[in-house]
Amino acid sequence: MDTSEIILEHIRESVGLTKDNTEFDTELLNYINLSVVKINQNGVKLNIDKVDRETTWDELLDSSAEGYDSTGALPTFMALNVKLLFDPPPPSSVDFHVRTMDETLWRLKLAYEEEVIE
């Protein structure tokens, strides 16, 4: 993943939209920012508190910051969280998505805590 990519465009594609389909941007941005709140509340300090239409992954979590997400867990968590809210999967696979999202957030939090301790 290109960390200079705009978050909204990445998330659009992750929920099955094309990069140029802006019809649902307001809704997607609300869900993206809800993800930011969840991540911050779990102890992973991000550089910004609100994502807008032009925010990149680099701006959200600076590679020089403690707790840098070198694993790509942050985009994965955000994509899963937004997908679950924006276009929920069939009921038979919701539990799988929730468990994957919870594990990804746990790994992100763990990686951040290890970086802070070192």
N, C-alpha and C. Protein backbone atom coordinates (compact mmCIF):
# COMPACT_ATOMS: atom_id res chain seq x y z
N MET A 1 0.83 -1.19 0.00
CA MET A 1 0.00 0.00 0.00
C MET A 1 0.88 1.25 0.00
N ASP A 2 0.48 2.20 -0.77
CA ASP A 2 1.18 3.48 -0.85
C ASP A 2 0.69 4.38 0.28
N THR A 3 1.60 4.71 1.21
CA THR A 3 1.18 5.51 2.37
C THR A 3 0.87 6.96 2.01
N SER A 4 1.22 7.38 0.80
CA SER A 4 0.86 8.73 0.38
C SER A 4 -0.54 8.76 -0.25
N GLU A 5 -1.19 7.61 -0.29
CA GLU A 5 -2.54 7.52 -0.86
C GLU A 5 -3.55 8.22 0.04
N ILE A 6 -4.54 8.82 -0.57
CA ILE A 6 -5.62 9.48 0.17
C ILE A 6 -6.49 8.41 0.81
N ILE A 7 -6.73 8.55 2.10
CA ILE A 7 -7.48 7.56 2.87
C ILE A 7 -8.86 7.31 2.28
N LEU A 8 -9.58 8.37 1.96
CA LEU A 8 -10.94 8.24 1.44
C LEU A 8 -10.95 7.40 0.16
N GLU A 9 -9.99 7.61 -0.73
CA GLU A 9 -9.94 6.84 -1.97
C GLU A 9 -9.67 5.36 -1.69
N HIS A 10 -8.78 5.10 -0.75
CA HIS A 10 -8.47 3.72 -0.37
C HIS A 10 -9.71 3.03 0.20
N ILE A 11 -10.41 3.72 1.08
CA ILE A 11 -11.60 3.15 1.71
C ILE A 11 -12.71 2.97 0.69
N ARG A 12 -12.86 3.91 -0.23
CA ARG A 12 -13.87 3.76 -1.29
C ARG A 12 -13.68 2.42 -2.00
N GLU A 13 -12.43 2.16 -2.39
CA GLU A 13 -12.15 0.91 -3.10
C GLU A 13 -12.38 -0.31 -2.20
N SER A 14 -12.07 -0.19 -0.92
CA SER A 14 -12.22 -1.34 -0.01
C SER A 14 -13.68 -1.71 0.22
N VAL A 15 -14.58 -0.77 0.01
CA VAL A 15 -16.02 -1.09 0.16
C VAL A 15 -16.67 -1.37 -1.19
N GLY A 16 -15.87 -1.46 -2.24
CA GLY A 16 -16.39 -1.86 -3.55
C GLY A 16 -16.78 -0.73 -4.48
N LEU A 17 -16.42 0.50 -4.13
CA LEU A 17 -16.70 1.64 -5.01
C LEU A 17 -15.45 1.97 -5.82
N THR A 18 -15.62 2.71 -6.89
CA THR A 18 -14.46 3.17 -7.64
C THR A 18 -13.91 4.44 -6.99
N LYS A 19 -12.63 4.72 -7.26
CA LYS A 19 -11.99 5.88 -6.65
C LYS A 19 -12.69 7.19 -6.99
N ASP A 20 -13.32 7.25 -8.15
CA ASP A 20 -13.95 8.50 -8.58
C ASP A 20 -15.43 8.60 -8.21
N ASN A 21 -15.99 7.61 -7.53
CA ASN A 21 -17.39 7.64 -7.11
C ASN A 21 -17.47 8.38 -5.77
N THR A 22 -17.87 9.64 -5.82
CA THR A 22 -17.91 10.48 -4.62
C THR A 22 -19.30 10.55 -3.98
N GLU A 23 -20.22 9.79 -4.49
CA GLU A 23 -21.62 9.84 -4.05
C GLU A 23 -21.79 9.57 -2.55
N PHE A 24 -20.95 8.73 -1.98
CA PHE A 24 -21.10 8.34 -0.58
C PHE A 24 -20.00 8.91 0.33
N ASP A 25 -19.29 9.92 -0.15
CA ASP A 25 -18.15 10.45 0.61
C ASP A 25 -18.50 10.92 2.01
N THR A 26 -19.60 11.59 2.17
CA THR A 26 -19.98 12.09 3.50
C THR A 26 -20.17 10.94 4.47
N GLU A 27 -20.89 9.93 4.04
CA GLU A 27 -21.12 8.76 4.88
C GLU A 27 -19.80 8.03 5.17
N LEU A 28 -18.98 7.84 4.15
CA LEU A 28 -17.70 7.17 4.34
C LEU A 28 -16.80 7.94 5.30
N LEU A 29 -16.75 9.25 5.15
CA LEU A 29 -15.92 10.07 6.05
C LEU A 29 -16.40 9.97 7.49
N ASN A 30 -17.71 9.92 7.69
CA ASN A 30 -18.23 9.74 9.06
C ASN A 30 -17.74 8.42 9.64
N TYR A 31 -17.79 7.35 8.86
CA TYR A 31 -17.35 6.04 9.35
C TYR A 31 -15.83 5.98 9.51
N ILE A 32 -15.10 6.62 8.63
CA ILE A 32 -13.64 6.70 8.77
C ILE A 32 -13.28 7.41 10.07
N ASN A 33 -13.96 8.51 10.34
CA ASN A 33 -13.66 9.26 11.56
C ASN A 33 -14.12 8.52 12.81
N LEU A 34 -15.14 7.71 12.71
CA LEU A 34 -15.51 6.84 13.82
C LEU A 34 -14.38 5.84 14.09
N SER A 35 -13.77 5.35 13.03
CA SER A 35 -12.62 4.45 13.17
C SER A 35 -11.46 5.15 13.88
N VAL A 36 -11.23 6.41 13.53
CA VAL A 36 -10.17 7.19 14.18
C VAL A 36 -10.44 7.29 15.67
N VAL A 37 -11.69 7.55 16.04
CA VAL A 37 -12.06 7.64 17.46
C VAL A 37 -11.78 6.32 18.15
N LYS A 38 -12.20 5.20 17.55
CA LYS A 38 -11.98 3.88 18.15
C LYS A 38 -10.50 3.61 18.34
N ILE A 39 -9.71 3.95 17.34
CA ILE A 39 -8.27 3.70 17.42
C ILE A 39 -7.65 4.55 18.53
N ASN A 40 -8.00 5.82 18.59
CA ASN A 40 -7.49 6.69 19.65
C ASN A 40 -7.91 6.20 21.03
N GLN A 41 -9.15 5.77 21.17
CA GLN A 41 -9.64 5.30 22.46
C GLN A 41 -8.97 4.00 22.90
N ASN A 42 -8.34 3.31 21.97
CA ASN A 42 -7.64 2.07 22.30
C ASN A 42 -6.14 2.31 22.51
N GLY A 43 -5.74 3.55 22.64
CA GLY A 43 -4.38 3.87 23.02
C GLY A 43 -3.40 4.08 21.88
N VAL A 44 -3.87 4.04 20.65
CA VAL A 44 -3.00 4.28 19.51
C VAL A 44 -3.15 5.75 19.13
N LYS A 45 -2.17 6.54 19.47
CA LYS A 45 -2.25 7.98 19.22
C LYS A 45 -1.95 8.29 17.76
N LEU A 46 -2.90 8.89 17.11
CA LEU A 46 -2.75 9.30 15.72
C LEU A 46 -2.36 10.77 15.66
N ASN A 47 -1.78 11.17 14.54
CA ASN A 47 -1.33 12.56 14.40
C ASN A 47 -2.48 13.55 14.28
N ILE A 48 -3.60 13.10 13.78
CA ILE A 48 -4.76 13.98 13.60
C ILE A 48 -5.99 13.31 14.17
N ASP A 49 -6.97 14.11 14.53
CA ASP A 49 -8.20 13.59 15.11
C ASP A 49 -9.34 13.48 14.11
N LYS A 50 -9.15 14.06 12.92
CA LYS A 50 -10.23 14.05 11.94
C LYS A 50 -9.65 13.92 10.53
N VAL A 51 -10.21 12.99 9.79
CA VAL A 51 -9.81 12.76 8.40
C VAL A 51 -10.75 13.55 7.50
N ASP A 52 -10.19 14.22 6.49
CA ASP A 52 -11.03 14.91 5.52
C ASP A 52 -10.81 14.29 4.14
N ARG A 53 -11.32 14.92 3.12
CA ARG A 53 -11.27 14.37 1.76
C ARG A 53 -9.84 14.23 1.21
N GLU A 54 -8.89 14.94 1.76
CA GLU A 54 -7.52 14.93 1.23
C GLU A 54 -6.49 14.30 2.15
N THR A 55 -6.89 13.80 3.30
CA THR A 55 -5.94 13.24 4.27
C THR A 55 -5.33 11.95 3.73
N THR A 56 -3.99 11.84 3.87
CA THR A 56 -3.28 10.63 3.45
C THR A 56 -2.95 9.77 4.66
N TRP A 57 -2.56 8.53 4.39
CA TRP A 57 -2.16 7.64 5.48
C TRP A 57 -0.94 8.20 6.20
N ASP A 58 -0.01 8.80 5.48
CA ASP A 58 1.17 9.41 6.10
C ASP A 58 0.80 10.48 7.12
N GLU A 59 -0.21 11.27 6.80
CA GLU A 59 -0.64 12.33 7.70
C GLU A 59 -1.30 11.78 8.96
N LEU A 60 -1.96 10.65 8.81
CA LEU A 60 -2.66 10.06 9.94
C LEU A 60 -1.69 9.46 10.96
N LEU A 61 -0.72 8.72 10.48
CA LEU A 61 0.24 8.08 11.37
C LEU A 61 1.63 8.23 10.76
N ASP A 62 2.37 9.19 11.22
CA ASP A 62 3.69 9.52 10.71
C ASP A 62 4.66 8.36 10.94
N SER A 63 5.43 8.01 9.92
CA SER A 63 6.36 6.89 10.01
C SER A 63 7.47 7.13 11.02
N SER A 64 7.71 8.36 11.40
CA SER A 64 8.76 8.63 12.39
C SER A 64 8.21 8.63 13.82
N ALA A 65 6.89 8.51 13.95
CA ALA A 65 6.28 8.56 15.27
C ALA A 65 6.44 7.23 16.00
N GLU A 66 6.44 7.29 17.33
CA GLU A 66 6.43 6.07 18.11
C GLU A 66 5.13 5.33 17.82
N GLY A 67 5.24 4.01 17.73
CA GLY A 67 4.06 3.23 17.45
C GLY A 67 3.71 3.17 15.98
N TYR A 68 4.64 3.55 15.11
CA TYR A 68 4.37 3.54 13.67
C TYR A 68 3.83 2.19 13.22
N ASP A 69 2.80 2.21 12.42
CA ASP A 69 2.13 1.00 11.95
C ASP A 69 2.82 0.46 10.69
N SER A 70 3.92 -0.24 10.89
CA SER A 70 4.64 -0.79 9.75
C SER A 70 3.96 -2.06 9.22
N THR A 71 2.99 -2.58 9.95
CA THR A 71 2.33 -3.82 9.55
C THR A 71 1.15 -3.60 8.61
N GLY A 72 0.67 -2.39 8.50
CA GLY A 72 -0.50 -2.12 7.68
C GLY A 72 -1.80 -2.42 8.41
N ALA A 73 -1.74 -2.59 9.72
CA ALA A 73 -2.94 -2.91 10.49
C ALA A 73 -3.93 -1.76 10.51
N LEU A 74 -3.43 -0.53 10.49
CA LEU A 74 -4.32 0.63 10.53
C LEU A 74 -5.27 0.67 9.33
N PRO A 75 -4.77 0.59 8.10
CA PRO A 75 -5.69 0.58 6.95
C PRO A 75 -6.62 -0.63 6.96
N THR A 76 -6.11 -1.76 7.40
CA THR A 76 -6.94 -2.96 7.47
C THR A 76 -8.09 -2.78 8.45
N PHE A 77 -7.76 -2.28 9.65
CA PHE A 77 -8.80 -2.05 10.64
C PHE A 77 -9.84 -1.06 10.13
N MET A 78 -9.37 0.05 9.56
CA MET A 78 -10.31 1.07 9.09
C MET A 78 -11.19 0.53 7.97
N ALA A 79 -10.61 -0.23 7.05
CA ALA A 79 -11.40 -0.79 5.95
C ALA A 79 -12.46 -1.75 6.48
N LEU A 80 -12.08 -2.61 7.43
CA LEU A 80 -13.05 -3.55 8.00
C LEU A 80 -14.16 -2.83 8.76
N ASN A 81 -13.77 -1.84 9.55
CA ASN A 81 -14.75 -1.09 10.34
C ASN A 81 -15.74 -0.35 9.44
N VAL A 82 -15.22 0.32 8.42
CA VAL A 82 -16.09 1.08 7.51
C VAL A 82 -16.98 0.12 6.72
N LYS A 83 -16.41 -0.98 6.25
CA LYS A 83 -17.19 -1.98 5.49
C LYS A 83 -18.34 -2.51 6.33
N LEU A 84 -18.07 -2.81 7.59
CA LEU A 84 -19.10 -3.35 8.47
C LEU A 84 -20.24 -2.36 8.69
N LEU A 85 -19.93 -1.07 8.72
CA LEU A 85 -20.94 -0.04 8.94
C LEU A 85 -21.63 0.38 7.63
N PHE A 86 -20.85 0.49 6.57
CA PHE A 86 -21.35 1.01 5.31
C PHE A 86 -22.12 -0.03 4.51
N ASP A 87 -21.57 -1.23 4.41
CA ASP A 87 -22.16 -2.28 3.60
C ASP A 87 -21.94 -3.62 4.30
N PRO A 88 -22.73 -3.87 5.34
CA PRO A 88 -22.51 -5.08 6.15
C PRO A 88 -22.54 -6.37 5.32
N PRO A 89 -21.68 -7.31 5.68
CA PRO A 89 -21.70 -8.60 4.98
C PRO A 89 -22.93 -9.39 5.39
N PRO A 90 -23.17 -10.51 4.73
CA PRO A 90 -24.30 -11.36 5.11
C PRO A 90 -24.19 -11.77 6.59
N PRO A 91 -25.31 -11.98 7.24
CA PRO A 91 -25.29 -12.32 8.67
C PRO A 91 -24.38 -13.50 9.01
N SER A 92 -24.24 -14.43 8.10
CA SER A 92 -23.42 -15.61 8.36
C SER A 92 -21.92 -15.26 8.49
N SER A 93 -21.49 -14.12 7.97
CA SER A 93 -20.07 -13.79 8.05
C SER A 93 -19.79 -12.53 8.88
N VAL A 94 -20.80 -11.95 9.50
CA VAL A 94 -20.60 -10.76 10.34
C VAL A 94 -19.65 -11.09 11.49
N ASP A 95 -19.84 -12.24 12.12
CA ASP A 95 -18.99 -12.61 13.25
C ASP A 95 -17.53 -12.70 12.83
N PHE A 96 -17.27 -13.27 11.66
CA PHE A 96 -15.91 -13.35 11.15
C PHE A 96 -15.31 -11.95 10.98
N HIS A 97 -16.06 -11.04 10.39
CA HIS A 97 -15.58 -9.68 10.19
C HIS A 97 -15.31 -8.98 11.53
N VAL A 98 -16.19 -9.15 12.48
CA VAL A 98 -16.02 -8.52 13.79
C VAL A 98 -14.79 -9.08 14.49
N ARG A 99 -14.61 -10.39 14.46
CA ARG A 99 -13.43 -10.99 15.10
C ARG A 99 -12.14 -10.52 14.44
N THR A 100 -12.14 -10.45 13.13
CA THR A 100 -10.96 -9.99 12.40
C THR A 100 -10.66 -8.53 12.75
N MET A 101 -11.69 -7.73 12.81
CA MET A 101 -11.52 -6.32 13.16
C MET A 101 -10.98 -6.18 14.59
N ASP A 102 -11.54 -6.94 15.53
CA ASP A 102 -11.08 -6.89 16.91
C ASP A 102 -9.63 -7.34 17.04
N GLU A 103 -9.26 -8.40 16.33
CA GLU A 103 -7.87 -8.88 16.39
C GLU A 103 -6.92 -7.86 15.77
N THR A 104 -7.32 -7.26 14.69
CA THR A 104 -6.48 -6.26 14.03
C THR A 104 -6.27 -5.06 14.94
N LEU A 105 -7.32 -4.61 15.61
CA LEU A 105 -7.19 -3.50 16.55
C LEU A 105 -6.29 -3.89 17.72
N TRP A 106 -6.44 -5.11 18.22
CA TRP A 106 -5.59 -5.58 19.31
C TRP A 106 -4.13 -5.59 18.87
N ARG A 107 -3.84 -6.08 17.66
CA ARG A 107 -2.46 -6.12 17.16
C ARG A 107 -1.90 -4.71 16.97
N LEU A 108 -2.72 -3.81 16.50
CA LEU A 108 -2.30 -2.42 16.33
C LEU A 108 -1.97 -1.81 17.69
N LYS A 109 -2.82 -2.04 18.66
CA LYS A 109 -2.59 -1.53 20.01
C LYS A 109 -1.33 -2.14 20.60
N LEU A 110 -1.15 -3.43 20.44
CA LEU A 110 0.03 -4.12 20.95
C LEU A 110 1.30 -3.57 20.31
N ALA A 111 1.30 -3.38 19.01
CA ALA A 111 2.47 -2.83 18.31
C ALA A 111 2.79 -1.43 18.81
N TYR A 112 1.76 -0.63 19.04
CA TYR A 112 1.97 0.72 19.53
C TYR A 112 2.56 0.69 20.93
N GLU A 113 2.02 -0.16 21.79
CA GLU A 113 2.51 -0.24 23.17
C GLU A 113 3.96 -0.70 23.22
N GLU A 114 4.34 -1.67 22.36
CA GLU A 114 5.72 -2.15 22.33
C GLU A 114 6.66 -1.05 21.90
N GLU A 115 6.27 -0.25 20.91
CA GLU A 115 7.10 0.86 20.44
C GLU A 115 7.28 1.90 21.53
N VAL A 116 6.24 2.17 22.29
CA VAL A 116 6.31 3.17 23.34
C VAL A 116 7.23 2.70 24.46
N ILE A 117 7.18 1.40 24.78
CA ILE A 117 8.00 0.85 25.85
C ILE A 117 9.47 0.87 25.49
N GLU A 118 9.81 0.55 24.24
CA GLU A 118 11.22 0.45 23.82
C GLU A 118 11.95 1.75 23.85
